[in-house]
C-alpha cells in the first residue's frame, strides 16, 4: 500500500487565515490539524490543534495550571475569543520542525515513521512539484493497517 492509496482530500488554510477560522474548521470537521499551504498550494507547514490552544490559552495558565483553576467558569468557557484577529502564521511555533510531507509513492511504513518522528498525526502527500495531493491522518493510517 502506498501513500496515494491512503491519501484523501483535506482542508487547507493559508498563513494569513485568521486563526479563529482555523479553529472553527478544526472543531467543525473534528480534525487533528490543518495543512497550511503557500500561494502555489504546496504544503508549508502543519497547524496542529494544540498550537491553536497554545496561542489561545493565557501564558500564565500554561506556566502554572493551578492558575487556570481560579478563573471563573464563564471566562474560562470563552478563552478562544482571546485569539482575536491573529493569523495562522502567528500561532505557529518559532522553530521550524520537520515538515510532514511524503511523496505519493511512499510506503505505509514511511508514513508511519514520519508521524512517529514528528509527533504529528497528519501527513501531507505532495507530488514531486510540491503540489498537495491529499493527506493521511493517524486514524486513517491505523484503520487501513489494522484491516490488513
C-alpha atoms as a PDB file:
ATOM      1  CA  UNK A   1       0.000   0.000   0.000  1.00  0.00           C
ATOM      2  CA  UNK A   2       1.303   3.427  -0.948  1.00  0.00           C
ATOM      3  CA  UNK A   3       0.617   6.940   0.300  1.00  0.00           C
ATOM      4  CA  UNK A   4      -1.556   7.697  -2.736  1.00  0.00           C
ATOM      5  CA  UNK A   5      -3.796   4.758  -1.712  1.00  0.00           C
ATOM      6  CA  UNK A   6      -4.366   6.321   1.712  1.00  0.00           C
ATOM      7  CA  UNK A   7      -4.468   9.999   0.818  1.00  0.00           C
ATOM      8  CA  UNK A   8      -7.779  11.801   0.799  1.00  0.00           C
ATOM      9  CA  UNK A   9      -8.892  15.377   0.229  1.00  0.00           C
ATOM     10  CA  UNK A  10      -8.150  17.502   3.235  1.00  0.00           C
ATOM     11  CA  UNK A  11      -8.934  21.101   4.186  1.00  0.00           C
ATOM     12  CA  UNK A  12      -6.158  23.637   3.949  1.00  0.00           C
ATOM     13  CA  UNK A  13      -5.572  27.159   5.191  1.00  0.00           C
ATOM     14  CA  UNK A  14      -3.087  29.854   4.272  1.00  0.00           C
ATOM     15  CA  UNK A  15      -0.668  31.606   6.640  1.00  0.00           C
ATOM     16  CA  UNK A  16      -2.823  34.745   6.646  1.00  0.00           C
ATOM     17  CA  UNK A  17      -6.056  32.878   7.520  1.00  0.00           C
ATOM     18  CA  UNK A  18      -7.472  34.108  10.858  1.00  0.00           C
ATOM     19  CA  UNK A  19      -6.620  31.507  13.477  1.00  0.00           C
ATOM     20  CA  UNK A  20     -10.186  31.603  14.862  1.00  0.00           C
ATOM     21  CA  UNK A  21     -11.375  30.487  11.407  1.00  0.00           C
ATOM     22  CA  UNK A  22      -8.838  27.657  11.515  1.00  0.00           C
ATOM     23  CA  UNK A  23     -10.081  26.690  15.000  1.00  0.00           C
ATOM     24  CA  UNK A  24     -13.658  26.541  13.721  1.00  0.00           C
ATOM     25  CA  UNK A  25     -12.552  24.330  10.832  1.00  0.00           C
ATOM     26  CA  UNK A  26     -10.654  22.028  13.213  1.00  0.00           C
ATOM     27  CA  UNK A  27     -13.661  21.706  15.508  1.00  0.00           C
ATOM     28  CA  UNK A  28     -16.317  21.595  12.807  1.00  0.00           C
ATOM     29  CA  UNK A  29     -14.699  18.697  10.976  1.00  0.00           C
ATOM     30  CA  UNK A  30     -13.090  17.011  14.016  1.00  0.00           C
ATOM     31  CA  UNK A  31      -9.586  17.305  12.563  1.00  0.00           C
ATOM     32  CA  UNK A  32      -6.236  16.722  14.329  1.00  0.00           C
ATOM     33  CA  UNK A  33      -4.662  19.649  12.478  1.00  0.00           C
ATOM     34  CA  UNK A  34      -4.674  21.583   9.244  1.00  0.00           C
ATOM     35  CA  UNK A  35      -2.302  21.744   6.324  1.00  0.00           C
ATOM     36  CA  UNK A  36      -1.064  25.278   5.754  1.00  0.00           C
ATOM     37  CA  UNK A  37      -0.308  25.861   2.093  1.00  0.00           C
ATOM     38  CA  UNK A  38       1.632  28.613   0.350  1.00  0.00           C
ATOM     39  CA  UNK A  39       0.462  30.645  -2.642  1.00  0.00           C
ATOM     40  CA  UNK A  40       1.294  27.752  -5.021  1.00  0.00           C
ATOM     41  CA  UNK A  41      -0.811  25.309  -2.998  1.00  0.00           C
ATOM     42  CA  UNK A  42       2.259  23.491  -1.720  1.00  0.00           C
ATOM     43  CA  UNK A  43       2.376  22.352   1.921  1.00  0.00           C
ATOM     44  CA  UNK A  44       4.137  24.989   4.014  1.00  0.00           C
ATOM     45  CA  UNK A  45       3.579  23.546   7.483  1.00  0.00           C
ATOM     46  CA  UNK A  46       1.078  21.692   9.638  1.00  0.00           C
ATOM     47  CA  UNK A  47      -1.041  23.589  12.157  1.00  0.00           C
ATOM     48  CA  UNK A  48      -1.833  21.162  14.947  1.00  0.00           C
ATOM     49  CA  UNK A  49      -4.907  21.835  17.051  1.00  0.00           C
ATOM     50  CA  UNK A  50      -2.665  22.067  20.103  1.00  0.00           C
ATOM     51  CA  UNK A  51      -0.857  25.028  18.526  1.00  0.00           C
ATOM     52  CA  UNK A  52      -4.161  26.889  18.323  1.00  0.00           C
ATOM     53  CA  UNK A  53      -4.725  26.162  22.000  1.00  0.00           C
ATOM     54  CA  UNK A  54      -1.201  27.296  22.840  1.00  0.00           C
ATOM     55  CA  UNK A  55      -1.987  30.696  21.370  1.00  0.00           C
ATOM     56  CA  UNK A  56      -5.454  30.960  22.962  1.00  0.00           C
ATOM     57  CA  UNK A  57      -4.676  29.783  26.486  1.00  0.00           C
ATOM     58  CA  UNK A  58      -3.141  32.589  28.551  1.00  0.00           C
ATOM     59  CA  UNK A  59       0.567  32.016  29.102  1.00  0.00           C
ATOM     60  CA  UNK A  60       0.217  32.241  32.881  1.00  0.00           C
ATOM     61  CA  UNK A  61      -2.236  29.294  32.772  1.00  0.00           C
ATOM     62  CA  UNK A  62       0.210  27.273  30.679  1.00  0.00           C
ATOM     63  CA  UNK A  63       3.048  28.081  33.056  1.00  0.00           C
ATOM     64  CA  UNK A  64       1.050  27.292  36.205  1.00  0.00           C
ATOM     65  CA  UNK A  65      -2.017  25.056  35.670  1.00  0.00           C
ATOM     66  CA  UNK A  66      -3.229  25.942  39.182  1.00  0.00           C
ATOM     67  CA  UNK A  67      -3.919  29.468  37.954  1.00  0.00           C
ATOM     68  CA  UNK A  68      -6.345  28.106  35.363  1.00  0.00           C
ATOM     69  CA  UNK A  69      -8.424  26.767  38.232  1.00  0.00           C
ATOM     70  CA  UNK A  70      -9.005  30.223  39.716  1.00  0.00           C
ATOM     71  CA  UNK A  71     -10.526  31.650  36.510  1.00  0.00           C
ATOM     72  CA  UNK A  72     -14.300  31.764  36.779  1.00  0.00           C
ATOM     73  CA  UNK A  73     -16.211  29.331  34.575  1.00  0.00           C
ATOM     74  CA  UNK A  74     -17.865  31.983  32.395  1.00  0.00           C
ATOM     75  CA  UNK A  75     -14.463  33.459  31.473  1.00  0.00           C
ATOM     76  CA  UNK A  76     -12.873  30.036  31.026  1.00  0.00           C
ATOM     77  CA  UNK A  77     -15.616  28.998  28.599  1.00  0.00           C
ATOM     78  CA  UNK A  78     -14.781  31.805  26.158  1.00  0.00           C
ATOM     79  CA  UNK A  79     -10.966  31.782  26.207  1.00  0.00           C
ATOM     80  CA  UNK A  80     -10.804  31.218  22.441  1.00  0.00           C
ATOM     81  CA  UNK A  81     -12.151  34.725  21.916  1.00  0.00           C
ATOM     82  CA  UNK A  82      -8.712  35.877  23.003  1.00  0.00           C
ATOM     83  CA  UNK A  83      -7.419  34.829  19.600  1.00  0.00           C
ATOM     84  CA  UNK A  84      -8.904  37.986  18.149  1.00  0.00           C
ATOM     85  CA  UNK A  85      -7.805  38.655  14.593  1.00  0.00           C
ATOM     86  CA  UNK A  86      -4.455  36.862  14.820  1.00  0.00           C
ATOM     87  CA  UNK A  87      -3.363  34.834  11.817  1.00  0.00           C
ATOM     88  CA  UNK A  88      -2.356  31.206  11.480  1.00  0.00           C
ATOM     89  CA  UNK A  89       1.233  32.419  10.951  1.00  0.00           C
ATOM     90  CA  UNK A  90       1.169  33.922  14.462  1.00  0.00           C
ATOM     91  CA  UNK A  91       0.072  30.629  16.022  1.00  0.00           C
ATOM     92  CA  UNK A  92       2.989  28.627  14.666  1.00  0.00           C
ATOM     93  CA  UNK A  93       5.939  27.776  16.891  1.00  0.00           C
ATOM     94  CA  UNK A  94       9.145  29.748  16.408  1.00  0.00           C
ATOM     95  CA  UNK A  95      11.218  26.734  15.437  1.00  0.00           C
ATOM     96  CA  UNK A  96      10.859  25.061  12.057  1.00  0.00           C
ATOM     97  CA  UNK A  97      10.130  21.404  12.716  1.00  0.00           C
ATOM     98  CA  UNK A  98      10.417  18.783  10.004  1.00  0.00           C
ATOM     99  CA  UNK A  99       7.596  19.202   7.521  1.00  0.00           C
ATOM    100  CA  UNK A 100       5.481  16.007   7.477  1.00  0.00           C
ATOM    101  CA  UNK A 101       5.188  15.566   3.720  1.00  0.00           C
ATOM    102  CA  UNK A 102       5.637  12.380   1.712  1.00  0.00           C
ATOM    103  CA  UNK A 103       5.785  11.505  -1.969  1.00  0.00           C
ATOM    104  CA  UNK A 104       2.693   9.657  -3.299  1.00  0.00           C
ATOM    105  CA  UNK A 105       4.817   6.504  -3.738  1.00  0.00           C
ATOM    106  CA  UNK A 106       5.870   6.423  -0.048  1.00  0.00           C
ATOM    107  CA  UNK A 107       5.092   3.184   1.767  1.00  0.00           C
ATOM    108  CA  UNK A 108       2.793   2.911   4.764  1.00  0.00           C
ATOM    109  CA  UNK A 109       5.827   2.322   6.959  1.00  0.00           C
ATOM    110  CA  UNK A 110       7.442   5.534   5.686  1.00  0.00           C
ATOM    111  CA  UNK A 111       4.259   7.456   6.529  1.00  0.00           C
ATOM    112  CA  UNK A 112       4.049   5.868   9.980  1.00  0.00           C
ATOM    113  CA  UNK A 113       7.727   6.575  10.676  1.00  0.00           C
ATOM    114  CA  UNK A 114       7.272  10.233   9.709  1.00  0.00           C
ATOM    115  CA  UNK A 115       4.251  10.577  12.003  1.00  0.00           C
ATOM    116  CA  UNK A 116       6.159   8.956  14.846  1.00  0.00           C
ATOM    117  CA  UNK A 117       9.268  11.072  14.313  1.00  0.00           C
ATOM    118  CA  UNK A 118       7.439  14.405  14.026  1.00  0.00           C
ATOM    119  CA  UNK A 119       4.750  13.553  16.591  1.00  0.00           C
ATOM    120  CA  UNK A 120       2.154  14.977  14.210  1.00  0.00           C
ATOM    121  CA  UNK A 121      -0.893  12.790  13.413  1.00  0.00           C
ATOM    122  CA  UNK A 122      -1.221  14.262   9.937  1.00  0.00           C
ATOM    123  CA  UNK A 123       0.957  13.841   6.852  1.00  0.00           C
ATOM    124  CA  UNK A 124       0.568  15.747   3.606  1.00  0.00           C
ATOM    125  CA  UNK A 125       1.024  13.871   0.336  1.00  0.00           C
ATOM    126  CA  UNK A 126       2.588  16.055  -2.363  1.00  0.00           C
ATOM    127  CA  UNK A 127       3.819  15.310  -5.865  1.00  0.00           C
ATOM    128  CA  UNK A 128       7.463  15.991  -6.829  1.00  0.00           C
ATOM    129  CA  UNK A 129       6.481  19.534  -7.862  1.00  0.00           C
ATOM    130  CA  UNK A 130       5.262  20.149  -4.316  1.00  0.00           C
ATOM    131  CA  UNK A 131       1.553  20.309  -5.157  1.00  0.00           C
ATOM    132  CA  UNK A 132      -0.672  18.876  -2.442  1.00  0.00           C
ATOM    133  CA  UNK A 133      -2.385  15.634  -3.494  1.00  0.00           C
ATOM    134  CA  UNK A 134      -4.146  14.891  -0.197  1.00  0.00           C
ATOM    135  CA  UNK A 135      -3.436  13.954   3.378  1.00  0.00           C
ATOM    136  CA  UNK A 136      -3.226  10.942   5.635  1.00  0.00           C
ATOM    137  CA  UNK A 137      -4.407  11.124   9.238  1.00  0.00           C
ATOM    138  CA  UNK A 138      -3.285   8.800  12.001  1.00  0.00           C
ATOM    139  CA  UNK A 139      -6.827   7.427  12.231  1.00  0.00           C
ATOM    140  CA  UNK A 140      -6.982   6.560   8.535  1.00  0.00           C
ATOM    141  CA  UNK A 141      -3.488   5.050   8.624  1.00  0.00           C
ATOM    142  CA  UNK A 142      -4.324   2.807  11.580  1.00  0.00           C
ATOM    143  CA  UNK A 143      -7.709   1.844  10.123  1.00  0.00           C
ATOM    144  CA  UNK A 144      -6.096   0.647   6.890  1.00  0.00           C
ATOM    145  CA  UNK A 145      -3.130  -1.079   8.524  1.00  0.00           C
ATOM    146  CA  UNK A 146      -5.276  -2.878  11.115  1.00  0.00           C
ATOM    147  CA  UNK A 147      -7.704  -4.028   8.412  1.00  0.00           C
ATOM    148  CA  UNK A 148      -4.917  -5.976   6.685  1.00  0.00           C
END
